Amino acid sequence: MIIYNVTINIDEDIHHNWLDWMQKEHIPQMLSTGKFTKALMTKVLVEEEMGGYTYSVQYTTESKEMLKRYYNEDAEILRSQSKPFEGKFVAFRTELEIVSEH
């Protein structure tokens, strides 16, 4: 199993609109691609010097190949839908491989 982790720091002034959009639109659209089996959204409790709010969204997928399919078929379109928040957030993405679960 692979986790596609997206960590986002969002400005305070649009935080509530962005959070609503993520939960009602973006995450459901990510899942509707059929490439992810679940999504977990968490709030980072460490305060950033830059301010704002930081979240981590972890999308679980069955394989590296399935994640590559997401990149090739869906990523550009889904990322472009964040345009209303452009300039108000910073995001970085990490690919994680699950070694074990207990």
PDB file of N, CA and C in Angstrom:
ATOM      1  N   MET A   1       0.844  -1.187   0.000  1.00  0.00           N
ATOM      2  CA  MET A   1       0.000   0.000   0.000  1.00  0.00           C
ATOM      3  C   MET A   1       0.888   1.248   0.000  1.00  0.00           C
ATOM      4  N   ILE A   2       0.414   2.262  -0.683  1.00  0.00           N
ATOM      5  CA  ILE A   2       1.119   3.530  -0.803  1.00  0.00           C
ATOM      6  C   ILE A   2       0.217   4.634  -0.260  1.00  0.00           C
ATOM      7  N   ILE A   3       0.819   5.575   0.441  1.00  0.00           N
ATOM      8  CA  ILE A   3       0.098   6.767   0.889  1.00  0.00           C
ATOM      9  C   ILE A   3       0.651   7.965   0.125  1.00  0.00           C
ATOM     10  N   TYR A   4      -0.250   8.682  -0.504  1.00  0.00           N
ATOM     11  CA  TYR A   4       0.073   9.938  -1.169  1.00  0.00           C
ATOM     12  C   TYR A   4      -0.313  11.025  -0.175  1.00  0.00           C
ATOM     13  N   ASN A   5       0.698  11.654   0.422  1.00  0.00           N
ATOM     14  CA  ASN A   5       0.482  12.652   1.476  1.00  0.00           C
ATOM     15  C   ASN A   5       0.634  14.052   0.896  1.00  0.00           C
ATOM     16  N   VAL A   6      -0.351  14.894   1.124  1.00  0.00           N
ATOM     17  CA  VAL A   6      -0.288  16.291   0.704  1.00  0.00           C
ATOM     18  C   VAL A   6      -0.400  17.140   1.966  1.00  0.00           C
ATOM     19  N   THR A   7       0.647  17.921   2.236  1.00  0.00           N
ATOM     20  CA  THR A   7       0.658  18.814   3.393  1.00  0.00           C
ATOM     21  C   THR A   7       0.468  20.229   2.876  1.00  0.00           C
ATOM     22  N   ILE A   8      -0.499  20.929   3.447  1.00  0.00           N
ATOM     23  CA  ILE A   8      -0.879  22.259   2.972  1.00  0.00           C
ATOM     24  C   ILE A   8      -0.903  23.240   4.125  1.00  0.00           C
ATOM     25  N   ASN A   9      -0.281  24.407   3.921  1.00  0.00           N
ATOM     26  CA  ASN A   9      -0.424  25.519   4.857  1.00  0.00           C
ATOM     27  C   ASN A   9      -1.296  26.551   4.159  1.00  0.00           C
ATOM     28  N   ILE A  10      -2.416  26.894   4.797  1.00  0.00           N
ATOM     29  CA  ILE A  10      -3.412  27.785   4.184  1.00  0.00           C
ATOM     30  C   ILE A  10      -3.540  29.068   4.998  1.00  0.00           C
ATOM     31  N   ASP A  11      -3.636  30.202   4.332  1.00  0.00           N
ATOM     32  CA  ASP A  11      -3.787  31.492   5.017  1.00  0.00           C
ATOM     33  C   ASP A  11      -5.049  31.523   5.872  1.00  0.00           C
ATOM     34  N   GLU A  12      -4.950  32.225   6.976  1.00  0.00           N
ATOM     35  CA  GLU A  12      -6.071  32.315   7.916  1.00  0.00           C
ATOM     36  C   GLU A  12      -7.313  32.937   7.298  1.00  0.00           C
ATOM     37  N   ASP A  13      -7.143  33.936   6.417  1.00  0.00           N
ATOM     38  CA  ASP A  13      -8.298  34.674   5.896  1.00  0.00           C
ATOM     39  C   ASP A  13      -9.199  33.844   4.974  1.00  0.00           C
ATOM     40  N   ILE A  14      -8.699  32.754   4.416  1.00  0.00           N
ATOM     41  CA  ILE A  14      -9.551  31.911   3.568  1.00  0.00           C
ATOM     42  C   ILE A  14      -9.668  30.489   4.112  1.00  0.00           C
ATOM     43  N   HIS A  15      -9.172  30.276   5.300  1.00  0.00           N
ATOM     44  CA  HIS A  15      -9.125  28.951   5.909  1.00  0.00           C
ATOM     45  C   HIS A  15     -10.472  28.240   5.887  1.00  0.00           C
ATOM     46  N   HIS A  16     -11.528  28.899   6.346  1.00  0.00           N
ATOM     47  CA  HIS A  16     -12.834  28.240   6.450  1.00  0.00           C
ATOM     48  C   HIS A  16     -13.389  27.860   5.076  1.00  0.00           C
ATOM     49  N   ASN A  17     -13.246  28.738   4.090  1.00  0.00           N
ATOM     50  CA  ASN A  17     -13.724  28.420   2.738  1.00  0.00           C
ATOM     51  C   ASN A  17     -12.939  27.254   2.143  1.00  0.00           C
ATOM     52  N   TRP A  18     -11.624  27.279   2.343  1.00  0.00           N
ATOM     53  CA  TRP A  18     -10.779  26.204   1.829  1.00  0.00           C
ATOM     54  C   TRP A  18     -11.123  24.862   2.488  1.00  0.00           C
ATOM     55  N   LEU A  19     -11.287  24.860   3.803  1.00  0.00           N
ATOM     56  CA  LEU A  19     -11.604  23.632   4.529  1.00  0.00           C
ATOM     57  C   LEU A  19     -12.934  23.045   4.052  1.00  0.00           C
ATOM     58  N   ASP A  20     -13.917  23.891   3.838  1.00  0.00           N
ATOM     59  CA  ASP A  20     -15.213  23.463   3.326  1.00  0.00           C
ATOM     60  C   ASP A  20     -15.065  22.861   1.922  1.00  0.00           C
ATOM     61  N   TRP A  21     -14.299  23.535   1.063  1.00  0.00           N
ATOM     62  CA  TRP A  21     -14.052  23.053  -0.295  1.00  0.00           C
ATOM     63  C   TRP A  21     -13.339  21.701  -0.278  1.00  0.00           C
ATOM     64  N   MET A  22     -12.337  21.574   0.574  1.00  0.00           N
ATOM     65  CA  MET A  22     -11.600  20.308   0.661  1.00  0.00           C
ATOM     66  C   MET A  22     -12.529  19.161   1.046  1.00  0.00           C
ATOM     67  N   GLN A  23     -13.338  19.364   2.074  1.00  0.00           N
ATOM     68  CA  GLN A  23     -14.167  18.286   2.601  1.00  0.00           C
ATOM     69  C   GLN A  23     -15.360  17.951   1.701  1.00  0.00           C
ATOM     70  N   LYS A  24     -15.937  18.965   1.076  1.00  0.00           N
ATOM     71  CA  LYS A  24     -17.143  18.733   0.280  1.00  0.00           C
ATOM     72  C   LYS A  24     -16.874  18.491  -1.201  1.00  0.00           C
ATOM     73  N   GLU A  25     -15.737  18.991  -1.709  1.00  0.00           N
ATOM     74  CA  GLU A  25     -15.487  18.879  -3.141  1.00  0.00           C
ATOM     75  C   GLU A  25     -14.201  18.134  -3.480  1.00  0.00           C
ATOM     76  N   HIS A  26     -13.071  18.654  -3.016  1.00  0.00           N
ATOM     77  CA  HIS A  26     -11.789  18.120  -3.485  1.00  0.00           C
ATOM     78  C   HIS A  26     -11.532  16.670  -3.066  1.00  0.00           C
ATOM     79  N   ILE A  27     -11.657  16.373  -1.787  1.00  0.00           N
ATOM     80  CA  ILE A  27     -11.399  15.001  -1.336  1.00  0.00           C
ATOM     81  C   ILE A  27     -12.379  14.019  -1.985  1.00  0.00           C
ATOM     82  N   PRO A  28     -13.681  14.314  -2.041  1.00  0.00           N
ATOM     83  CA  PRO A  28     -14.581  13.398  -2.759  1.00  0.00           C
ATOM     84  C   PRO A  28     -14.196  13.218  -4.233  1.00  0.00           C
ATOM     85  N   GLN A  29     -13.719  14.282  -4.881  1.00  0.00           N
ATOM     86  CA  GLN A  29     -13.300  14.161  -6.281  1.00  0.00           C
ATOM     87  C   GLN A  29     -12.051  13.281  -6.405  1.00  0.00           C
ATOM     88  N   MET A  30     -11.133  13.417  -5.466  1.00  0.00           N
ATOM     89  CA  MET A  30      -9.940  12.562  -5.463  1.00  0.00           C
ATOM     90  C   MET A  30     -10.360  11.100  -5.349  1.00  0.00           C
ATOM     91  N   LEU A  31     -11.264  10.818  -4.429  1.00  0.00           N
ATOM     92  CA  LEU A  31     -11.716   9.443  -4.232  1.00  0.00           C
ATOM     93  C   LEU A  31     -12.497   8.933  -5.437  1.00  0.00           C
ATOM     94  N   SER A  32     -13.220   9.815  -6.111  1.00  0.00           N
ATOM     95  CA  SER A  32     -14.034   9.393  -7.251  1.00  0.00           C
ATOM     96  C   SER A  32     -13.190   9.012  -8.470  1.00  0.00           C
ATOM     97  N   THR A  33     -11.887   9.300  -8.451  1.00  0.00           N
ATOM     98  CA  THR A  33     -11.023   8.856  -9.551  1.00  0.00           C
ATOM     99  C   THR A  33     -10.899   7.337  -9.556  1.00  0.00           C
ATOM    100  N   GLY A  34     -11.206   6.708  -8.422  1.00  0.00           N
ATOM    101  CA  GLY A  34     -11.066   5.263  -8.313  1.00  0.00           C
ATOM    102  C   GLY A  34      -9.641   4.806  -8.042  1.00  0.00           C
ATOM    103  N   LYS A  35      -8.747   5.765  -7.843  1.00  0.00           N
ATOM    104  CA  LYS A  35      -7.340   5.422  -7.643  1.00  0.00           C
ATOM    105  C   LYS A  35      -6.943   5.360  -6.168  1.00  0.00           C
ATOM    106  N   PHE A  36      -7.827   5.849  -5.311  1.00  0.00           N
ATOM    107  CA  PHE A  36      -7.554   5.863  -3.872  1.00  0.00           C
ATOM    108  C   PHE A  36      -8.675   5.143  -3.137  1.00  0.00           C
ATOM    109  N   THR A  37      -8.309   4.396  -2.108  1.00  0.00           N
ATOM    110  CA  THR A  37      -9.306   3.630  -1.358  1.00  0.00           C
ATOM    111  C   THR A  37      -9.839   4.387  -0.157  1.00  0.00           C
ATOM    112  N   LYS A  38      -9.065   5.348   0.345  1.00  0.00           N
ATOM    113  CA  LYS A  38      -9.545   6.165   1.458  1.00  0.00           C
ATOM    114  C   LYS A  38      -8.699   7.416   1.569  1.00  0.00           C
ATOM    115  N   ALA A  39      -9.215   8.380   2.347  1.00  0.00           N
ATOM    116  CA  ALA A  39      -8.494   9.629   2.599  1.00  0.00           C
ATOM    117  C   ALA A  39      -8.637   9.975   4.074  1.00  0.00           C
ATOM    118  N   LEU A  40      -7.555  10.430   4.656  1.00  0.00           N
ATOM    119  CA  LEU A  40      -7.537  10.852   6.056  1.00  0.00           C
ATOM    120  C   LEU A  40      -7.021  12.283   6.093  1.00  0.00           C
ATOM    121  N   MET A  41      -7.826  13.196   6.635  1.00  0.00           N
ATOM    122  CA  MET A  41      -7.408  14.593   6.745  1.00  0.00           C
ATOM    123  C   MET A  41      -7.119  14.894   8.205  1.00  0.00           C
ATOM    124  N   THR A  42      -5.931  15.446   8.463  1.00  0.00           N
ATOM    125  CA  THR A  42      -5.546  15.784   9.824  1.00  0.00           C
ATOM    126  C   THR A  42      -5.061  17.223   9.885  1.00  0.00           C
ATOM    127  N   LYS A  43      -5.243  17.845  11.029  1.00  0.00           N
ATOM    128  CA  LYS A  43      -4.737  19.190  11.267  1.00  0.00           C
ATOM    129  C   LYS A  43      -3.416  19.064  12.020  1.00  0.00           C
ATOM    130  N   VAL A  44      -2.392  19.743  11.533  1.00  0.00           N
ATOM    131  CA  VAL A  44      -1.090  19.746  12.184  1.00  0.00           C
ATOM    132  C   VAL A  44      -1.167  20.706  13.367  1.00  0.00           C
ATOM    133  N   LEU A  45      -0.808  20.215  14.537  1.00  0.00           N
ATOM    134  CA  LEU A  45      -0.966  21.009  15.752  1.00  0.00           C
ATOM    135  C   LEU A  45       0.233  21.897  16.071  1.00  0.00           C
ATOM    136  N   VAL A  46       1.333  21.720  15.361  1.00  0.00           N
ATOM    137  CA  VAL A  46       2.504  22.566  15.551  1.00  0.00           C
ATOM    138  C   VAL A  46       2.270  23.869  14.802  1.00  0.00           C
ATOM    139  N   GLU A  47       2.465  24.999  15.490  1.00  0.00           N
ATOM    140  CA  GLU A  47       2.271  26.295  14.837  1.00  0.00           C
ATOM    141  C   GLU A  47       3.463  26.618  13.950  1.00  0.00           C
ATOM    142  N   GLU A  48       3.171  27.071  12.741  1.00  0.00           N
ATOM    143  CA  GLU A  48       4.206  27.449  11.787  1.00  0.00           C
ATOM    144  C   GLU A  48       4.592  28.912  11.988  1.00  0.00           C
ATOM    145  N   GLU A  49       5.859  29.224  11.796  1.00  0.00           N
ATOM    146  CA  GLU A  49       6.320  30.612  11.895  1.00  0.00           C
ATOM    147  C   GLU A  49       5.624  31.498  10.876  1.00  0.00           C
ATOM    148  N   MET A  50       5.285  30.923   9.713  1.00  0.00           N
ATOM    149  CA  MET A  50       4.647  31.700   8.650  1.00  0.00           C
ATOM    150  C   MET A  50       3.181  31.997   8.945  1.00  0.00           C
ATOM    151  N   GLY A  51       2.646  31.389  10.006  1.00  0.00           N
ATOM    152  CA  GLY A  51       1.244  31.587  10.344  1.00  0.00           C
ATOM    153  C   GLY A  51       0.363  30.639   9.570  1.00  0.00           C
ATOM    154  N   GLY A  52      -0.911  30.931   9.528  1.00  0.00           N
ATOM    155  CA  GLY A  52      -1.864  30.094   8.824  1.00  0.00           C
ATOM    156  C   GLY A  52      -2.146  28.799   9.566  1.00  0.00           C
ATOM    157  N   TYR A  53      -2.823  27.897   8.879  1.00  0.00           N
ATOM    158  CA  TYR A  53      -3.169  26.584   9.417  1.00  0.00           C
ATOM    159  C   TYR A  53      -2.558  25.529   8.505  1.00  0.00           C
ATOM    160  N   THR A  54      -2.074  24.455   9.091  1.00  0.00           N
ATOM    161  CA  THR A  54      -1.458  23.393   8.304  1.00  0.00           C
ATOM    162  C   THR A  54      -2.250  22.107   8.458  1.00  0.00           C
ATOM    163  N   TYR A  55      -2.489  21.445   7.321  1.00  0.00           N
ATOM    164  CA  TYR A  55      -3.220  20.187   7.278  1.00  0.00           C
ATOM    165  C   TYR A  55      -2.410  19.164   6.490  1.00  0.00           C
ATOM    166  N   SER A  56      -2.641  17.911   6.799  1.00  0.00           N
ATOM    167  CA  SER A  56      -2.083  16.805   6.035  1.00  0.00           C
ATOM    168  C   SER A  56      -3.250  15.945   5.569  1.00  0.00           C
ATOM    169  N   VAL A  57      -3.267  15.649   4.275  1.00  0.00           N
ATOM    170  CA  VAL A  57      -4.287  14.755   3.731  1.00  0.00           C
ATOM    171  C   VAL A  57      -3.551  13.541   3.182  1.00  0.00           C
ATOM    172  N   GLN A  58      -3.930  12.374   3.686  1.00  0.00           N
ATOM    173  CA  GLN A  58      -3.282  11.134   3.273  1.00  0.00           C
ATOM    174  C   GLN A  58      -4.268  10.292   2.470  1.00  0.00           C
ATOM    175  N   TYR A  59      -3.920  10.082   1.203  1.00  0.00           N
ATOM    176  CA  TYR A  59      -4.737   9.287   0.297  1.00  0.00           C
ATOM    177  C   TYR A  59      -4.064   7.921   0.145  1.00  0.00           C
ATOM    178  N   THR A  60      -4.792   6.861   0.443  1.00  0.00           N
ATOM    179  CA  THR A  60      -4.244   5.509   0.344  1.00  0.00           C
ATOM    180  C   THR A  60      -4.565   4.922  -1.024  1.00  0.00           C
ATOM    181  N   THR A  61      -3.544   4.331  -1.647  1.00  0.00           N
ATOM    182  CA  THR A  61      -3.709   3.673  -2.937  1.00  0.00           C
ATOM    183  C   THR A  61      -3.026   2.308  -2.904  1.00  0.00           C
ATOM    184  N   GLU A  62      -3.430   1.429  -3.783  1.00  0.00           N
ATOM    185  CA  GLU A  62      -2.957   0.047  -3.724  1.00  0.00           C
ATOM    186  C   GLU A  62      -1.517  -0.150  -4.163  1.00  0.00           C
ATOM    187  N   SER A  63      -0.999   0.734  -5.033  1.00  0.00           N
ATOM    188  CA  SER A  63       0.343   0.511  -5.568  1.00  0.00           C
ATOM    189  C   SER A  63       0.943   1.797  -6.123  1.00  0.00           C
ATOM    190  N   LYS A  64       2.241   1.753  -6.336  1.00  0.00           N
ATOM    191  CA  LYS A  64       2.952   2.865  -6.963  1.00  0.00           C
ATOM    192  C   LYS A  64       2.427   3.072  -8.391  1.00  0.00           C
ATOM    193  N   GLU A  65       2.079   1.991  -9.059  1.00  0.00           N
ATOM    194  CA  GLU A  65       1.545   2.077 -10.418  1.00  0.00           C
ATOM    195  C   GLU A  65       0.210   2.825 -10.445  1.00  0.00           C
ATOM    196  N   MET A  66      -0.641   2.560  -9.447  1.00  0.00           N
ATOM    197  CA  MET A  66      -1.922   3.258  -9.380  1.00  0.00           C
ATOM    198  C   MET A  66      -1.701   4.744  -9.120  1.00  0.00           C
ATOM    199  N   LEU A  67      -0.709   5.081  -8.290  1.00  0.00           N
ATOM    200  CA  LEU A  67      -0.387   6.484  -8.035  1.00  0.00           C
ATOM    201  C   LEU A  67       0.117   7.145  -9.316  1.00  0.00           C
ATOM    202  N   LYS A  68       0.912   6.442 -10.084  1.00  0.00           N
ATOM    203  CA  LYS A  68       1.385   6.976 -11.370  1.00  0.00           C
ATOM    204  C   LYS A  68       0.211   7.235 -12.310  1.00  0.00           C
ATOM    205  N   ARG A  69      -0.776   6.344 -12.290  1.00  0.00           N
ATOM    206  CA  ARG A  69      -1.976   6.565 -13.109  1.00  0.00           C
ATOM    207  C   ARG A  69      -2.684   7.848 -12.685  1.00  0.00           C
ATOM    208  N   TYR A  70      -2.754   8.095 -11.365  1.00  0.00           N
ATOM    209  CA  TYR A  70      -3.355   9.337 -10.880  1.00  0.00           C
ATOM    210  C   TYR A  70      -2.586  10.537 -11.443  1.00  0.00           C
ATOM    211  N   TYR A  71      -1.256  10.506 -11.324  1.00  0.00           N
ATOM    212  CA  TYR A  71      -0.443  11.614 -11.839  1.00  0.00           C
ATOM    213  C   TYR A  71      -0.715  11.849 -13.326  1.00  0.00           C
ATOM    214  N   ASN A  72      -0.771  10.780 -14.101  1.00  0.00           N
ATOM    215  CA  ASN A  72      -0.923  10.890 -15.554  1.00  0.00           C
ATOM    216  C   ASN A  72      -2.337  11.249 -16.001  1.00  0.00           C
ATOM    217  N   GLU A  73      -3.348  10.786 -15.266  1.00  0.00           N
ATOM    218  CA  GLU A  73      -4.726  10.933 -15.727  1.00  0.00           C
ATOM    219  C   GLU A  73      -5.538  12.012 -15.006  1.00  0.00           C
ATOM    220  N   ASP A  74      -5.190  12.320 -13.756  1.00  0.00           N
ATOM    221  CA  ASP A  74      -6.075  13.162 -12.953  1.00  0.00           C
ATOM    222  C   ASP A  74      -5.424  14.367 -12.263  1.00  0.00           C
ATOM    223  N   ALA A  75      -4.147  14.269 -11.954  1.00  0.00           N
ATOM    224  CA  ALA A  75      -3.511  15.260 -11.084  1.00  0.00           C
ATOM    225  C   ALA A  75      -3.623  16.690 -11.614  1.00  0.00           C
ATOM    226  N   GLU A  76      -3.334  16.895 -12.872  1.00  0.00           N
ATOM    227  CA  GLU A  76      -3.352  18.249 -13.430  1.00  0.00           C
ATOM    228  C   GLU A  76      -4.732  18.899 -13.304  1.00  0.00           C
ATOM    229  N   ILE A  77      -5.755  18.156 -13.641  1.00  0.00           N
ATOM    230  CA  ILE A  77      -7.123  18.689 -13.589  1.00  0.00           C
ATOM    231  C   ILE A  77      -7.525  18.996 -12.139  1.00  0.00           C
ATOM    232  N   LEU A  78      -7.277  18.052 -11.245  1.00  0.00           N
ATOM    233  CA  LEU A  78      -7.685  18.246  -9.850  1.00  0.00           C
ATOM    234  C   LEU A  78      -6.903  19.371  -9.173  1.00  0.00           C
ATOM    235  N   ARG A  79      -5.611  19.465  -9.467  1.00  0.00           N
ATOM    236  CA  ARG A  79      -4.809  20.555  -8.881  1.00  0.00           C
ATOM    237  C   ARG A  79      -5.259  21.913  -9.404  1.00  0.00           C
ATOM    238  N   SER A  80      -5.691  21.970 -10.659  1.00  0.00           N
ATOM    239  CA  SER A  80      -6.114  23.254 -11.244  1.00  0.00           C
ATOM    240  C   SER A  80      -7.374  23.795 -10.579  1.00  0.00           C
ATOM    241  N   GLN A  81      -8.138  22.930  -9.921  1.00  0.00           N
ATOM    242  CA  GLN A  81      -9.374  23.370  -9.277  1.00  0.00           C
ATOM    243  C   GLN A  81      -9.122  24.156  -7.992  1.00  0.00           C
ATOM    244  N   SER A  82      -7.862  24.245  -7.561  1.00  0.00           N
ATOM    245  CA  SER A  82      -7.535  25.034  -6.366  1.00  0.00           C
ATOM    246  C   SER A  82      -7.247  26.489  -6.717  1.00  0.00           C
ATOM    247  N   LYS A  83      -7.479  26.887  -7.965  1.00  0.00           N
ATOM    248  CA  LYS A  83      -7.217  28.263  -8.431  1.00  0.00           C
ATOM    249  C   LYS A  83      -7.829  29.353  -7.550  1.00  0.00           C
ATOM    250  N   PRO A  84      -9.054  29.164  -7.003  1.00  0.00           N
ATOM    251  CA  PRO A  84      -9.616  30.232  -6.164  1.00  0.00           C
ATOM    252  C   PRO A  84      -8.759  30.540  -4.917  1.00  0.00           C
ATOM    253  N   PHE A  85      -7.870  29.621  -4.567  1.00  0.00           N
ATOM    254  CA  PHE A  85      -7.034  29.799  -3.376  1.00  0.00           C
ATOM    255  C   PHE A  85      -5.584  30.116  -3.736  1.00  0.00           C
ATOM    256  N   GLU A  86      -5.315  30.314  -5.014  1.00  0.00           N
ATOM    257  CA  GLU A  86      -3.964  30.555  -5.511  1.00  0.00           C
ATOM    258  C   GLU A  86      -3.299  31.715  -4.779  1.00  0.00           C
ATOM    259  N   GLY A  87      -2.056  31.514  -4.391  1.00  0.00           N
ATOM    260  CA  GLY A  87      -1.301  32.536  -3.678  1.00  0.00           C
ATOM    261  C   GLY A  87      -1.589  32.584  -2.189  1.00  0.00           C
ATOM    262  N   LYS A  88      -2.543  31.766  -1.738  1.00  0.00           N
ATOM    263  CA  LYS A  88      -2.950  31.761  -0.331  1.00  0.00           C
ATOM    264  C   LYS A  88      -2.561  30.463   0.382  1.00  0.00           C
ATOM    265  N   PHE A  89      -1.851  29.579  -0.321  1.00  0.00           N
ATOM    266  CA  PHE A  89      -1.442  28.328   0.309  1.00  0.00           C
ATOM    267  C   PHE A  89      -0.104  27.864  -0.242  1.00  0.00           C
ATOM    268  N   VAL A  90       0.539  27.020   0.541  1.00  0.00           N
ATOM    269  CA  VAL A  90       1.759  26.340   0.126  1.00  0.00           C
ATOM    270  C   VAL A  90       1.504  24.859   0.343  1.00  0.00           C
ATOM    271  N   ALA A  91       1.863  24.037  -0.638  1.00  0.00           N
ATOM    272  CA  ALA A  91       1.638  22.594  -0.515  1.00  0.00           C
ATOM    273  C   ALA A  91       2.902  21.840  -0.888  1.00  0.00           C
ATOM    274  N   PHE A  92       3.124  20.734  -0.200  1.00  0.00           N
ATOM    275  CA  PHE A  92       4.158  19.810  -0.658  1.00  0.00           C
ATOM    276  C   PHE A  92       3.631  18.397  -0.545  1.00  0.00           C
ATOM    277  N   ARG A  93       4.130  17.570  -1.442  1.00  0.00           N
ATOM    278  CA  ARG A  93       3.601  16.211  -1.580  1.00  0.00           C
ATOM    279  C   ARG A  93       4.694  15.194  -1.274  1.00  0.00           C
ATOM    280  N   THR A  94       4.290  14.103  -0.618  1.00  0.00           N
ATOM    281  CA  THR A  94       5.213  13.037  -0.246  1.00  0.00           C
ATOM    282  C   THR A  94       4.564  11.699  -0.560  1.00  0.00           C
ATOM    283  N   GLU A  95       5.346  10.774  -1.074  1.00  0.00           N
ATOM    284  CA  GLU A  95       4.880   9.407  -1.298  1.00  0.00           C
ATOM    285  C   GLU A  95       5.450   8.533  -0.191  1.00  0.00           C
ATOM    286  N   LEU A  96       4.576   7.779   0.460  1.00  0.00           N
ATOM    287  CA  LEU A  96       4.979   6.924   1.576  1.00  0.00           C
ATOM    288  C   LEU A  96       4.570   5.486   1.285  1.00  0.00           C
ATOM    289  N   GLU A  97       5.409   4.553   1.661  1.00  0.00           N
ATOM    290  CA  GLU A  97       5.075   3.149   1.535  1.00  0.00           C
ATOM    291  C   GLU A  97       4.787   2.584   2.912  1.00  0.00           C
ATOM    292  N   ILE A  98       3.641   1.932   3.067  1.00  0.00           N
ATOM    293  CA  ILE A  98       3.295   1.328   4.356  1.00  0.00           C
ATOM    294  C   ILE A  98       4.156   0.084   4.549  1.00  0.00           C
ATOM    295  N   VAL A  99       4.910   0.073   5.642  1.00  0.00           N
ATOM    296  CA  VAL A  99       5.768  -1.061   5.981  1.00  0.00           C
ATOM    297  C   VAL A  99       5.010  -2.061   6.844  1.00  0.00           C
ATOM    298  N   SER A 100       4.284  -1.540   7.838  1.00  0.00           N
ATOM    299  CA  SER A 100       3.470  -2.413   8.685  1.00  0.00           C
ATOM    300  C   SER A 100       2.408  -1.582   9.374  1.00  0.00           C
ATOM    301  N   GLU A 101       1.351  -2.251   9.778  1.00  0.00           N
ATOM    302  CA  GLU A 101       0.285  -1.647  10.572  1.00  0.00           C
ATOM    303  C   GLU A 101       0.072  -2.522  11.803  1.00  0.00           C
ATOM    304  N   HIS A 102      -0.180  -1.906  12.919  1.00  0.00           N
ATOM    305  CA  HIS A 102      -0.374  -2.671  14.166  1.00  0.00           C
ATOM    306  C   HIS A 102      -1.670  -2.277  14.824  1.00  0.00           C
TER     307      HIS A 102
END
